[in-house]
Amino acid sequence: MMRSGWANRGHPAFWAFVVHRISGVLLAVFLPLHFLALSQAIAVAGALDAFLAWTRNPWVAASEVAVVFLLAAHFTGGLRLLAIEFIGWKGETQNALLALAGGGAVFFALLFALNLV
């Protein structure tokens, strides 16, 4: 008998689903704020300098790393879903794909945090 709904929350694929949805929502919240900051920089001459001074705050730097992690998690999770849908990788390869997606997200966030990209 198959488990359904919240009964599957112990499976890694469920948590990949949760991370993918949450990262998508948080990126959807981030993008309008990003575009607002860009439009202010274009509209007002000194706004870009003030914004760049604000971005030197350690909390902003940490949130930038978090945004890169969310973007990488959403991207690698989406690639995992595409592999499942179009290539048919299911079953035993599922855990390998989950580990690859999670590791890729952490790898790219660390690259960004260490200023290697």
PDB file of N, CA and C in Angstrom:
ATOM      1  N   MET A   1       0.832  -1.181   0.000  1.00  0.00           N
ATOM      2  CA  MET A   1       0.000   0.000   0.000  1.00  0.00           C
ATOM      3  C   MET A   1       0.882   1.251   0.000  1.00  0.00           C
ATOM      4  N   MET A   2       0.567   2.207  -0.854  1.00  0.00           N
ATOM      5  CA  MET A   2       1.367   3.428  -0.955  1.00  0.00           C
ATOM      6  C   MET A   2       0.933   4.440   0.085  1.00  0.00           C
ATOM      7  N   ARG A   3       1.941   5.144   0.608  1.00  0.00           N
ATOM      8  CA  ARG A   3       1.644   6.234   1.519  1.00  0.00           C
ATOM      9  C   ARG A   3       1.368   7.483   0.704  1.00  0.00           C
ATOM     10  N   SER A   4       0.529   8.342   1.217  1.00  0.00           N
ATOM     11  CA  SER A   4       0.235   9.570   0.485  1.00  0.00           C
ATOM     12  C   SER A   4       0.201  10.754   1.438  1.00  0.00           C
ATOM     13  N   GLY A   5       0.265  11.934   0.865  1.00  0.00           N
ATOM     14  CA  GLY A   5       0.171  13.159   1.650  1.00  0.00           C
ATOM     15  C   GLY A   5       1.345  13.352   2.583  1.00  0.00           C
ATOM     16  N   TRP A   6       1.042  13.773   3.796  1.00  0.00           N
ATOM     17  CA  TRP A   6       2.074  14.086   4.783  1.00  0.00           C
ATOM     18  C   TRP A   6       2.781  12.843   5.288  1.00  0.00           C
ATOM     19  N   ALA A   7       2.268  11.674   5.005  1.00  0.00           N
ATOM     20  CA  ALA A   7       2.919  10.445   5.462  1.00  0.00           C
ATOM     21  C   ALA A   7       4.267  10.244   4.774  1.00  0.00           C
ATOM     22  N   ASN A   8       4.480  10.894   3.646  1.00  0.00           N
ATOM     23  CA  ASN A   8       5.737  10.760   2.898  1.00  0.00           C
ATOM     24  C   ASN A   8       6.795  11.760   3.332  1.00  0.00           C
ATOM     25  N   ARG A   9       6.556  12.528   4.373  1.00  0.00           N
ATOM     26  CA  ARG A   9       7.478  13.590   4.742  1.00  0.00           C
ATOM     27  C   ARG A   9       8.832  13.092   5.207  1.00  0.00           C
ATOM     28  N   GLY A  10       8.975  11.807   5.464  1.00  0.00           N
ATOM     29  CA  GLY A  10      10.277  11.266   5.838  1.00  0.00           C
ATOM     30  C   GLY A  10      11.147  10.955   4.642  1.00  0.00           C
ATOM     31  N   HIS A  11      10.598  10.969   3.451  1.00  0.00           N
ATOM     32  CA  HIS A  11      11.353  10.640   2.237  1.00  0.00           C
ATOM     33  C   HIS A  11      12.119  11.870   1.758  1.00  0.00           C
ATOM     34  N   PRO A  12      13.377  11.702   1.328  1.00  0.00           N
ATOM     35  CA  PRO A  12      14.158  12.856   0.849  1.00  0.00           C
ATOM     36  C   PRO A  12      13.505  13.593  -0.313  1.00  0.00           C
ATOM     37  N   ALA A  13      12.771  12.891  -1.153  1.00  0.00           N
ATOM     38  CA  ALA A  13      12.124  13.553  -2.288  1.00  0.00           C
ATOM     39  C   ALA A  13      11.050  14.535  -1.814  1.00  0.00           C
ATOM     40  N   PHE A  14      10.409  14.236  -0.695  1.00  0.00           N
ATOM     41  CA  PHE A  14       9.430  15.179  -0.152  1.00  0.00           C
ATOM     42  C   PHE A  14      10.109  16.475   0.245  1.00  0.00           C
ATOM     43  N   TRP A  15      11.260  16.382   0.893  1.00  0.00           N
ATOM     44  CA  TRP A  15      11.965  17.588   1.322  1.00  0.00           C
ATOM     45  C   TRP A  15      12.537  18.333   0.125  1.00  0.00           C
ATOM     46  N   ALA A  16      12.903  17.616  -0.941  1.00  0.00           N
ATOM     47  CA  ALA A  16      13.327  18.287  -2.173  1.00  0.00           C
ATOM     48  C   ALA A  16      12.155  19.071  -2.763  1.00  0.00           C
ATOM     49  N   PHE A  17      10.965  18.484  -2.695  1.00  0.00           N
ATOM     50  CA  PHE A  17       9.752  19.170  -3.148  1.00  0.00           C
ATOM     51  C   PHE A  17       9.530  20.446  -2.341  1.00  0.00           C
ATOM     52  N   VAL A  18       9.659  20.357  -1.013  1.00  0.00           N
ATOM     53  CA  VAL A  18       9.450  21.512  -0.136  1.00  0.00           C
ATOM     54  C   VAL A  18      10.478  22.606  -0.440  1.00  0.00           C
ATOM     55  N   VAL A  19      11.752  22.228  -0.549  1.00  0.00           N
ATOM     56  CA  VAL A  19      12.807  23.210  -0.838  1.00  0.00           C
ATOM     57  C   VAL A  19      12.563  23.865  -2.192  1.00  0.00           C
ATOM     58  N   HIS A  20      12.136  23.084  -3.183  1.00  0.00           N
ATOM     59  CA  HIS A  20      11.904  23.631  -4.514  1.00  0.00           C
ATOM     60  C   HIS A  20      10.762  24.650  -4.491  1.00  0.00           C
ATOM     61  N   ARG A  21       9.687  24.327  -3.775  1.00  0.00           N
ATOM     62  CA  ARG A  21       8.554  25.256  -3.714  1.00  0.00           C
ATOM     63  C   ARG A  21       8.898  26.510  -2.917  1.00  0.00           C
ATOM     64  N   ILE A  22       9.543  26.348  -1.777  1.00  0.00           N
ATOM     65  CA  ILE A  22       9.894  27.508  -0.948  1.00  0.00           C
ATOM     66  C   ILE A  22      10.892  28.407  -1.667  1.00  0.00           C
ATOM     67  N   SER A  23      11.890  27.803  -2.317  1.00  0.00           N
ATOM     68  CA  SER A  23      12.865  28.623  -3.041  1.00  0.00           C
ATOM     69  C   SER A  23      12.188  29.382  -4.174  1.00  0.00           C
ATOM     70  N   GLY A  24      11.215  28.766  -4.831  1.00  0.00           N
ATOM     71  CA  GLY A  24      10.485  29.459  -5.895  1.00  0.00           C
ATOM     72  C   GLY A  24       9.702  30.646  -5.377  1.00  0.00           C
ATOM     73  N   VAL A  25       9.045  30.477  -4.238  1.00  0.00           N
ATOM     74  CA  VAL A  25       8.271  31.573  -3.653  1.00  0.00           C
ATOM     75  C   VAL A  25       9.194  32.704  -3.207  1.00  0.00           C
ATOM     76  N   LEU A  26      10.295  32.356  -2.547  1.00  0.00           N
ATOM     77  CA  LEU A  26      11.218  33.392  -2.069  1.00  0.00           C
ATOM     78  C   LEU A  26      11.891  34.130  -3.226  1.00  0.00           C
ATOM     79  N   LEU A  27      12.188  33.421  -4.302  1.00  0.00           N
ATOM     80  CA  LEU A  27      12.746  34.103  -5.480  1.00  0.00           C
ATOM     81  C   LEU A  27      11.705  35.011  -6.124  1.00  0.00           C
ATOM     82  N   ALA A  28      10.447  34.592  -6.106  1.00  0.00           N
ATOM     83  CA  ALA A  28       9.379  35.439  -6.645  1.00  0.00           C
ATOM     84  C   ALA A  28       9.196  36.703  -5.810  1.00  0.00           C
ATOM     85  N   VAL A  29       9.464  36.630  -4.516  1.00  0.00           N
ATOM     86  CA  VAL A  29       9.410  37.817  -3.658  1.00  0.00           C
ATOM     87  C   VAL A  29      10.635  38.698  -3.899  1.00  0.00           C
ATOM     88  N   PHE A  30      11.795  38.070  -4.109  1.00  0.00           N
ATOM     89  CA  PHE A  30      13.042  38.814  -4.286  1.00  0.00           C
ATOM     90  C   PHE A  30      13.064  39.621  -5.589  1.00  0.00           C
ATOM     91  N   LEU A  31      12.590  39.037  -6.673  1.00  0.00           N
ATOM     92  CA  LEU A  31      12.733  39.692  -7.979  1.00  0.00           C
ATOM     93  C   LEU A  31      12.091  41.078  -8.062  1.00  0.00           C
ATOM     94  N   PRO A  32      10.867  41.289  -7.607  1.00  0.00           N
ATOM     95  CA  PRO A  32      10.324  42.659  -7.662  1.00  0.00           C
ATOM     96  C   PRO A  32      11.140  43.655  -6.837  1.00  0.00           C
ATOM     97  N   LEU A  33      11.653  43.211  -5.692  1.00  0.00           N
ATOM     98  CA  LEU A  33      12.495  44.101  -4.884  1.00  0.00           C
ATOM     99  C   LEU A  33      13.790  44.436  -5.615  1.00  0.00           C
ATOM    100  N   HIS A  34      14.333  43.450  -6.306  1.00  0.00           N
ATOM    101  CA  HIS A  34      15.543  43.676  -7.093  1.00  0.00           C
ATOM    102  C   HIS A  34      15.276  44.673  -8.218  1.00  0.00           C
ATOM    103  N   PHE A  35      14.164  44.488  -8.917  1.00  0.00           N
ATOM    104  CA  PHE A  35      13.824  45.417  -9.992  1.00  0.00           C
ATOM    105  C   PHE A  35      13.519  46.811  -9.462  1.00  0.00           C
ATOM    106  N   LEU A  36      12.957  46.900  -8.268  1.00  0.00           N
ATOM    107  CA  LEU A  36      12.715  48.202  -7.656  1.00  0.00           C
ATOM    108  C   LEU A  36      14.032  48.911  -7.372  1.00  0.00           C
ATOM    109  N   ALA A  37      15.004  48.182  -6.842  1.00  0.00           N
ATOM    110  CA  ALA A  37      16.322  48.779  -6.568  1.00  0.00           C
ATOM    111  C   ALA A  37      16.988  49.233  -7.861  1.00  0.00           C
ATOM    112  N   LEU A  38      16.882  48.439  -8.909  1.00  0.00           N
ATOM    113  CA  LEU A  38      17.464  48.835 -10.192  1.00  0.00           C
ATOM    114  C   LEU A  38      16.774  50.065 -10.774  1.00  0.00           C
ATOM    115  N   SER A  39      15.452  50.124 -10.668  1.00  0.00           N
ATOM    116  CA  SER A  39      14.739  51.281 -11.219  1.00  0.00           C
ATOM    117  C   SER A  39      15.075  52.552 -10.439  1.00  0.00           C
ATOM    118  N   GLN A  40      15.266  52.440  -9.128  1.00  0.00           N
ATOM    119  CA  GLN A  40      15.661  53.598  -8.335  1.00  0.00           C
ATOM    120  C   GLN A  40      17.054  54.072  -8.728  1.00  0.00           C
ATOM    121  N   ALA A  41      17.944  53.130  -9.023  1.00  0.00           N
ATOM    122  CA  ALA A  41      19.303  53.494  -9.429  1.00  0.00           C
ATOM    123  C   ALA A  41      19.300  54.216 -10.775  1.00  0.00           C
ATOM    124  N   ILE A  42      18.382  53.856 -11.636  1.00  0.00           N
ATOM    125  CA  ILE A  42      18.302  54.506 -12.944  1.00  0.00           C
ATOM    126  C   ILE A  42      17.628  55.868 -12.832  1.00  0.00           C
ATOM    127  N   ALA A  43      16.607  55.966 -11.987  1.00  0.00           N
ATOM    128  CA  ALA A  43      15.807  57.187 -11.916  1.00  0.00           C
ATOM    129  C   ALA A  43      16.497  58.317 -11.152  1.00  0.00           C
ATOM    130  N   VAL A  44      17.199  57.996 -10.075  1.00  0.00           N
ATOM    131  CA  VAL A  44      17.789  59.021  -9.214  1.00  0.00           C
ATOM    132  C   VAL A  44      19.306  58.881  -9.265  1.00  0.00           C
ATOM    133  N   ALA A  45      20.006  59.993  -9.471  1.00  0.00           N
ATOM    134  CA  ALA A  45      21.449  59.962  -9.693  1.00  0.00           C
ATOM    135  C   ALA A  45      22.230  59.368  -8.516  1.00  0.00           C
ATOM    136  N   GLY A  46      21.967  59.785  -7.311  1.00  0.00           N
ATOM    137  CA  GLY A  46      22.740  59.315  -6.162  1.00  0.00           C
ATOM    138  C   GLY A  46      22.207  58.049  -5.529  1.00  0.00           C
ATOM    139  N   ALA A  47      21.108  57.524  -6.053  1.00  0.00           N
ATOM    140  CA  ALA A  47      20.477  56.356  -5.436  1.00  0.00           C
ATOM    141  C   ALA A  47      21.350  55.112  -5.544  1.00  0.00           C
ATOM    142  N   LEU A  48      22.066  54.961  -6.646  1.00  0.00           N
ATOM    143  CA  LEU A  48      22.911  53.781  -6.808  1.00  0.00           C
ATOM    144  C   LEU A  48      24.041  53.783  -5.791  1.00  0.00           C
ATOM    145  N   ASP A  49      24.667  54.938  -5.578  1.00  0.00           N
ATOM    146  CA  ASP A  49      25.746  55.016  -4.582  1.00  0.00           C
ATOM    147  C   ASP A  49      25.228  54.712  -3.181  1.00  0.00           C
ATOM    148  N   ALA A  50      24.063  55.227  -2.849  1.00  0.00           N
ATOM    149  CA  ALA A  50      23.470  54.955  -1.532  1.00  0.00           C
ATOM    150  C   ALA A  50      23.111  53.478  -1.402  1.00  0.00           C
ATOM    151  N   PHE A  51      22.591  52.906  -2.471  1.00  0.00           N
ATOM    152  CA  PHE A  51      22.233  51.485  -2.436  1.00  0.00           C
ATOM    153  C   PHE A  51      23.474  50.609  -2.292  1.00  0.00           C
ATOM    154  N   LEU A  52      24.532  50.939  -3.019  1.00  0.00           N
ATOM    155  CA  LEU A  52      25.766  50.154  -2.924  1.00  0.00           C
ATOM    156  C   LEU A  52      26.398  50.284  -1.546  1.00  0.00           C
ATOM    157  N   ALA A  53      26.286  51.443  -0.918  1.00  0.00           N
ATOM    158  CA  ALA A  53      26.785  51.601   0.454  1.00  0.00           C
ATOM    159  C   ALA A  53      25.977  50.734   1.412  1.00  0.00           C
ATOM    160  N   TRP A  54      24.672  50.642   1.185  1.00  0.00           N
ATOM    161  CA  TRP A  54      23.822  49.805   2.029  1.00  0.00           C
ATOM    162  C   TRP A  54      24.159  48.329   1.863  1.00  0.00           C
ATOM    163  N   THR A  55      24.567  47.923   0.666  1.00  0.00           N
ATOM    164  CA  THR A  55      24.857  46.505   0.417  1.00  0.00           C
ATOM    165  C   THR A  55      26.141  46.044   1.104  1.00  0.00           C
ATOM    166  N   ARG A  56      26.927  46.946   1.631  1.00  0.00           N
ATOM    167  CA  ARG A  56      28.144  46.549   2.361  1.00  0.00           C
ATOM    168  C   ARG A  56      27.835  46.053   3.772  1.00  0.00           C
ATOM    169  N   ASN A  57      26.583  46.164   4.188  1.00  0.00           N
ATOM    170  CA  ASN A  57      26.132  45.647   5.477  1.00  0.00           C
ATOM    171  C   ASN A  57      26.301  44.116   5.496  1.00  0.00           C
ATOM    172  N   PRO A  58      26.851  43.536   6.577  1.00  0.00           N
ATOM    173  CA  PRO A  58      27.058  42.082   6.620  1.00  0.00           C
ATOM    174  C   PRO A  58      25.768  41.275   6.458  1.00  0.00           C
ATOM    175  N   TRP A  59      24.649  41.815   6.943  1.00  0.00           N
ATOM    176  CA  TRP A  59      23.384  41.094   6.780  1.00  0.00           C
ATOM    177  C   TRP A  59      22.970  41.026   5.314  1.00  0.00           C
ATOM    178  N   VAL A  60      23.252  42.063   4.579  1.00  0.00           N
ATOM    179  CA  VAL A  60      22.926  42.071   3.149  1.00  0.00           C
ATOM    180  C   VAL A  60      23.820  41.078   2.415  1.00  0.00           C
ATOM    181  N   ALA A  61      25.104  41.036   2.778  1.00  0.00           N
ATOM    182  CA  ALA A  61      26.017  40.075   2.157  1.00  0.00           C
ATOM    183  C   ALA A  61      25.566  38.640   2.436  1.00  0.00           C
ATOM    184  N   ALA A  62      25.122  38.379   3.651  1.00  0.00           N
ATOM    185  CA  ALA A  62      24.631  37.036   3.985  1.00  0.00           C
ATOM    186  C   ALA A  62      23.358  36.712   3.216  1.00  0.00           C
ATOM    187  N   SER A  63      22.496  37.712   3.052  1.00  0.00           N
ATOM    188  CA  SER A  63      21.264  37.461   2.294  1.00  0.00           C
ATOM    189  C   SER A  63      21.554  37.251   0.810  1.00  0.00           C
ATOM    190  N   GLU A  64      22.609  37.871   0.290  1.00  0.00           N
ATOM    191  CA  GLU A  64      22.995  37.622  -1.101  1.00  0.00           C
ATOM    192  C   GLU A  64      23.415  36.172  -1.291  1.00  0.00           C
ATOM    193  N   VAL A  65      24.170  35.642  -0.335  1.00  0.00           N
ATOM    194  CA  VAL A  65      24.563  34.230  -0.395  1.00  0.00           C
ATOM    195  C   VAL A  65      23.326  33.354  -0.310  1.00  0.00           C
ATOM    196  N   ALA A  66      22.376  33.731   0.530  1.00  0.00           N
ATOM    197  CA  ALA A  66      21.138  32.957   0.651  1.00  0.00           C
ATOM    198  C   ALA A  66      20.349  32.979  -0.653  1.00  0.00           C
ATOM    199  N   VAL A  67      20.309  34.126  -1.321  1.00  0.00           N
ATOM    200  CA  VAL A  67      19.598  34.215  -2.596  1.00  0.00           C
ATOM    201  C   VAL A  67      20.279  33.351  -3.648  1.00  0.00           C
ATOM    202  N   VAL A  68      21.608  33.354  -3.671  1.00  0.00           N
ATOM    203  CA  VAL A  68      22.323  32.498  -4.621  1.00  0.00           C
ATOM    204  C   VAL A  68      22.040  31.029  -4.314  1.00  0.00           C
ATOM    205  N   PHE A  69      22.007  30.663  -3.027  1.00  0.00           N
ATOM    206  CA  PHE A  69      21.675  29.286  -2.660  1.00  0.00           C
ATOM    207  C   PHE A  69      20.258  28.939  -3.109  1.00  0.00           C
ATOM    208  N   LEU A  70      19.299  29.839  -2.872  1.00  0.00           N
ATOM    209  CA  LEU A  70      17.921  29.580  -3.292  1.00  0.00           C
ATOM    210  C   LEU A  70      17.823  29.420  -4.802  1.00  0.00           C
ATOM    211  N   LEU A  71      18.526  30.271  -5.534  1.00  0.00           N
ATOM    212  CA  LEU A  71      18.516  30.174  -6.993  1.00  0.00           C
ATOM    213  C   LEU A  71      19.131  28.857  -7.450  1.00  0.00           C
ATOM    214  N   ALA A  72      20.255  28.477  -6.859  1.00  0.00           N
ATOM    215  CA  ALA A  72      20.904  27.218  -7.234  1.00  0.00           C
ATOM    216  C   ALA A  72      20.053  26.018  -6.830  1.00  0.00           C
ATOM    217  N   ALA A  73      19.406  26.089  -5.652  1.00  0.00           N
ATOM    218  CA  ALA A  73      18.542  24.992  -5.216  1.00  0.00           C
ATOM    219  C   ALA A  73      17.345  24.855  -6.143  1.00  0.00           C
ATOM    220  N   HIS A  74      16.768  25.968  -6.539  1.00  0.00           N
ATOM    221  CA  HIS A  74      15.617  25.916  -7.441  1.00  0.00           C
ATOM    222  C   HIS A  74      16.030  25.399  -8.816  1.00  0.00           C
ATOM    223  N   PHE A  75      17.176  25.853  -9.289  1.00  0.00           N
ATOM    224  CA  PHE A  75      17.674  25.424 -10.599  1.00  0.00           C
ATOM    225  C   PHE A  75      18.003  23.928 -10.617  1.00  0.00           C
ATOM    226  N   THR A  76      18.791  23.474  -9.634  1.00  0.00           N
ATOM    227  CA  THR A  76      19.177  22.057  -9.626  1.00  0.00           C
ATOM    228  C   THR A  76      17.977  21.158  -9.335  1.00  0.00           C
ATOM    229  N   GLY A  77      17.053  21.641  -8.491  1.00  0.00           N
ATOM    230  CA  GLY A  77      15.829  20.871  -8.256  1.00  0.00           C
ATOM    231  C   GLY A  77      14.987  20.769  -9.518  1.00  0.00           C
ATOM    232  N   GLY A  78      14.934  21.838 -10.281  1.00  0.00           N
ATOM    233  CA  GLY A  78      14.212  21.802 -11.556  1.00  0.00           C
ATOM    234  C   GLY A  78      14.863  20.865 -12.559  1.00  0.00           C
ATOM    235  N   LEU A  79      16.196  20.859 -12.599  1.00  0.00           N
ATOM    236  CA  LEU A  79      16.889  19.906 -13.484  1.00  0.00           C
ATOM    237  C   LEU A  79      16.606  18.470 -13.072  1.00  0.00           C
ATOM    238  N   ARG A  80      16.534  18.231 -11.759  1.00  0.00           N
ATOM    239  CA  ARG A  80      16.214  16.895 -11.262  1.00  0.00           C
ATOM    240  C   ARG A  80      14.814  16.481 -11.721  1.00  0.00           C
ATOM    241  N   LEU A  81      13.871  17.405 -11.624  1.00  0.00           N
ATOM    242  CA  LEU A  81      12.513  17.093 -12.064  1.00  0.00           C
ATOM    243  C   LEU A  81      12.450  16.847 -13.570  1.00  0.00           C
ATOM    244  N   LEU A  82      13.215  17.623 -14.330  1.00  0.00           N
ATOM    245  CA  LEU A  82      13.249  17.394 -15.779  1.00  0.00           C
ATOM    246  C   LEU A  82      13.838  16.028 -16.112  1.00  0.00           C
ATOM    247  N   ALA A  83      14.866  15.629 -15.371  1.00  0.00           N
ATOM    248  CA  ALA A  83      15.455  14.309 -15.593  1.00  0.00           C
ATOM    249  C   ALA A  83      14.448  13.208 -15.289  1.00  0.00           C
ATOM    250  N   ILE A  84      13.660  13.394 -14.252  1.00  0.00           N
ATOM    251  CA  ILE A  84      12.643  12.398 -13.913  1.00  0.00           C
ATOM    252  C   ILE A  84      11.561  12.342 -14.989  1.00  0.00           C
ATOM    253  N   GLU A  85      11.117  13.510 -15.449  1.00  0.00           N
ATOM    254  CA  GLU A  85      10.023  13.566 -16.423  1.00  0.00           C
ATOM    255  C   GLU A  85      10.432  13.085 -17.813  1.00  0.00           C
ATOM    256  N   PHE A  86      11.573  13.562 -18.308  1.00  0.00           N
ATOM    257  CA  PHE A  86      11.917  13.316 -19.704  1.00  0.00           C
ATOM    258  C   PHE A  86      12.869  12.148 -19.916  1.00  0.00           C
ATOM    259  N   ILE A  87      13.717  11.876 -18.947  1.00  0.00           N
ATOM    260  CA  ILE A  87      14.649  10.757 -19.093  1.00  0.00           C
ATOM    261  C   ILE A  87      14.111   9.513 -18.404  1.00  0.00           C
ATOM    262  N   GLY A  88      13.262   9.719 -17.414  1.00  0.00           N
ATOM    263  CA  GLY A  88      12.664   8.604 -16.712  1.00  0.00           C
ATOM    264  C   GLY A  88      13.530   8.058 -15.595  1.00  0.00           C
ATOM    265  N   TRP A  89      14.418   8.884 -15.051  1.00  0.00           N
ATOM    266  CA  TRP A  89      15.271   8.432 -13.948  1.00  0.00           C
ATOM    267  C   TRP A  89      14.451   8.394 -12.671  1.00  0.00           C
ATOM    268  N   LYS A  90      14.087   7.203 -12.263  1.00  0.00           N
ATOM    269  CA  LYS A  90      13.307   7.021 -11.043  1.00  0.00           C
ATOM    270  C   LYS A  90      13.920   5.888 -10.253  1.00  0.00           C
ATOM    271  N   GLY A  91      13.349   5.624  -9.123  1.00  0.00           N
ATOM    272  CA  GLY A  91      13.789   4.489  -8.324  1.00  0.00           C
ATOM    273  C   GLY A  91      15.123   4.715  -7.657  1.00  0.00           C
ATOM    274  N   GLU A  92      16.089   3.863  -7.969  1.00  0.00           N
ATOM    275  CA  GLU A  92      17.389   3.908  -7.302  1.00  0.00           C
ATOM    276  C   GLU A  92      18.175   5.178  -7.617  1.00  0.00           C
ATOM    277  N   THR A  93      17.993   5.737  -8.782  1.00  0.00           N
ATOM    278  CA  THR A  93      18.734   6.946  -9.135  1.00  0.00           C
ATOM    279  C   THR A  93      18.170   8.185  -8.454  1.00  0.00           C
ATOM    280  N   GLN A  94      16.978   8.062  -7.855  1.00  0.00           N
ATOM    281  CA  GLN A  94      16.334   9.207  -7.205  1.00  0.00           C
ATOM    282  C   GLN A  94      17.204   9.798  -6.090  1.00  0.00           C
ATOM    283  N   ASN A  95      17.749   8.947  -5.238  1.00  0.00           N
ATOM    284  CA  ASN A  95      18.583   9.455  -4.143  1.00  0.00           C
ATOM    285  C   ASN A  95      19.869  10.087  -4.664  1.00  0.00           C
ATOM    286  N   ALA A  96      20.429   9.540  -5.729  1.00  0.00           N
ATOM    287  CA  ALA A  96      21.626  10.135  -6.319  1.00  0.00           C
ATOM    288  C   ALA A  96      21.310  11.508  -6.903  1.00  0.00           C
ATOM    289  N   LEU A  97      20.167  11.632  -7.561  1.00  0.00           N
ATOM    290  CA  LEU A  97      19.764  12.932  -8.104  1.00  0.00           C
ATOM    291  C   LEU A  97      19.506  13.943  -7.000  1.00  0.00           C
ATOM    292  N   LEU A  98      18.903  13.481  -5.902  1.00  0.00           N
ATOM    293  CA  LEU A  98      18.662  14.378  -4.768  1.00  0.00           C
ATOM    294  C   LEU A  98      19.975  14.883  -4.178  1.00  0.00           C
ATOM    295  N   ALA A  99      20.923  13.973  -4.009  1.00  0.00           N
ATOM    296  CA  ALA A  99      22.225  14.363  -3.455  1.00  0.00           C
ATOM    297  C   ALA A  99      22.961  15.295  -4.411  1.00  0.00           C
ATOM    298  N   LEU A 100      22.882  15.024  -5.690  1.00  0.00           N
ATOM    299  CA  LEU A 100      23.535  15.868  -6.685  1.00  0.00           C
ATOM    300  C   LEU A 100      22.922  17.274  -6.702  1.00  0.00           C
ATOM    301  N   ALA A 101      21.606  17.359  -6.623  1.00  0.00           N
ATOM    302  CA  ALA A 101      20.932  18.658  -6.618  1.00  0.00           C
ATOM    303  C   ALA A 101      21.290  19.450  -5.361  1.00  0.00           C
ATOM    304  N   GLY A 102      21.237  18.811  -4.208  1.00  0.00           N
ATOM    305  CA  GLY A 102      21.577  19.504  -2.959  1.00  0.00           C
ATOM    306  C   GLY A 102      23.033  19.910  -2.905  1.00  0.00           C
ATOM    307  N   GLY A 103      23.907  19.010  -3.327  1.00  0.00           N
ATOM    308  CA  GLY A 103      25.334  19.321  -3.342  1.00  0.00           C
ATOM    309  C   GLY A 103      25.664  20.434  -4.317  1.00  0.00           C
ATOM    310  N   GLY A 104      24.998  20.441  -5.464  1.00  0.00           N
ATOM    311  CA  GLY A 104      25.219  21.504  -6.445  1.00  0.00           C
ATOM    312  C   GLY A 104      24.805  22.864  -5.914  1.00  0.00           C
ATOM    313  N   ALA A 105      23.675  22.915  -5.204  1.00  0.00           N
ATOM    314  CA  ALA A 105      23.209  24.176  -4.638  1.00  0.00           C
ATOM    315  C   ALA A 105      24.194  24.700  -3.597  1.00  0.00           C
ATOM    316  N   VAL A 106      24.660  23.829  -2.732  1.00  0.00           N
ATOM    317  CA  VAL A 106      25.632  24.239  -1.707  1.00  0.00           C
ATOM    318  C   VAL A 106      26.945  24.662  -2.361  1.00  0.00           C
ATOM    319  N   PHE A 107      27.380  23.924  -3.383  1.00  0.00           N
ATOM    320  CA  PHE A 107      28.628  24.230  -4.081  1.00  0.00           C
ATOM    321  C   PHE A 107      28.590  25.638  -4.684  1.00  0.00           C
ATOM    322  N   PHE A 108      27.516  25.969  -5.385  1.00  0.00           N
ATOM    323  CA  PHE A 108      27.440  27.282  -6.021  1.00  0.00           C
ATOM    324  C   PHE A 108      27.301  28.406  -5.002  1.00  0.00           C
ATOM    325  N   ALA A 109      26.586  28.155  -3.899  1.00  0.00           N
ATOM    326  CA  ALA A 109      26.488  29.174  -2.853  1.00  0.00           C
ATOM    327  C   ALA A 109      27.853  29.414  -2.214  1.00  0.00           C
ATOM    328  N   LEU A 110      28.623  28.350  -2.002  1.00  0.00           N
ATOM    329  CA  LEU A 110      29.968  28.512  -1.439  1.00  0.00           C
ATOM    330  C   LEU A 110      30.897  29.228  -2.410  1.00  0.00           C
ATOM    331  N   LEU A 111      30.795  28.915  -3.696  1.00  0.00           N
ATOM    332  CA  LEU A 111      31.603  29.638  -4.683  1.00  0.00           C
ATOM    333  C   LEU A 111      31.321  31.127  -4.626  1.00  0.00           C
ATOM    334  N   PHE A 112      30.052  31.466  -4.536  1.00  0.00           N
ATOM    335  CA  PHE A 112      29.676  32.882  -4.474  1.00  0.00           C
ATOM    336  C   PHE A 112      30.166  33.496  -3.163  1.00  0.00           C
ATOM    337  N   ALA A 113      29.983  32.783  -2.056  1.00  0.00           N
ATOM    338  CA  ALA A 113      30.379  33.327  -0.749  1.00  0.00           C
ATOM    339  C   ALA A 113      31.871  33.567  -0.669  1.00  0.00           C
ATOM    340  N   LEU A 114      32.642  32.725  -1.324  1.00  0.00           N
ATOM    341  CA  LEU A 114      34.087  32.875  -1.311  1.00  0.00           C
ATOM    342  C   LEU A 114      34.588  33.777  -2.438  1.00  0.00           C
ATOM    343  N   ASN A 115      33.657  34.374  -3.173  1.00  0.00           N
ATOM    344  CA  ASN A 115      33.968  35.283  -4.284  1.00  0.00           C
ATOM    345  C   ASN A 115      34.837  34.628  -5.348  1.00  0.00           C
ATOM    346  N   LEU A 116      34.524  33.371  -5.650  1.00  0.00           N
ATOM    347  CA  LEU A 116      35.304  32.662  -6.664  1.00  0.00           C
ATOM    348  C   LEU A 116      34.637  32.709  -8.035  1.00  0.00           C
ATOM    349  N   VAL A 117      33.448  33.304  -8.110  1.00  0.00           N
ATOM    350  CA  VAL A 117      32.780  33.423  -9.410  1.00  0.00           C
ATOM    351  C   VAL A 117      32.591  34.864  -9.770  1.00  0.00           C
TER     352      VAL A 117
END
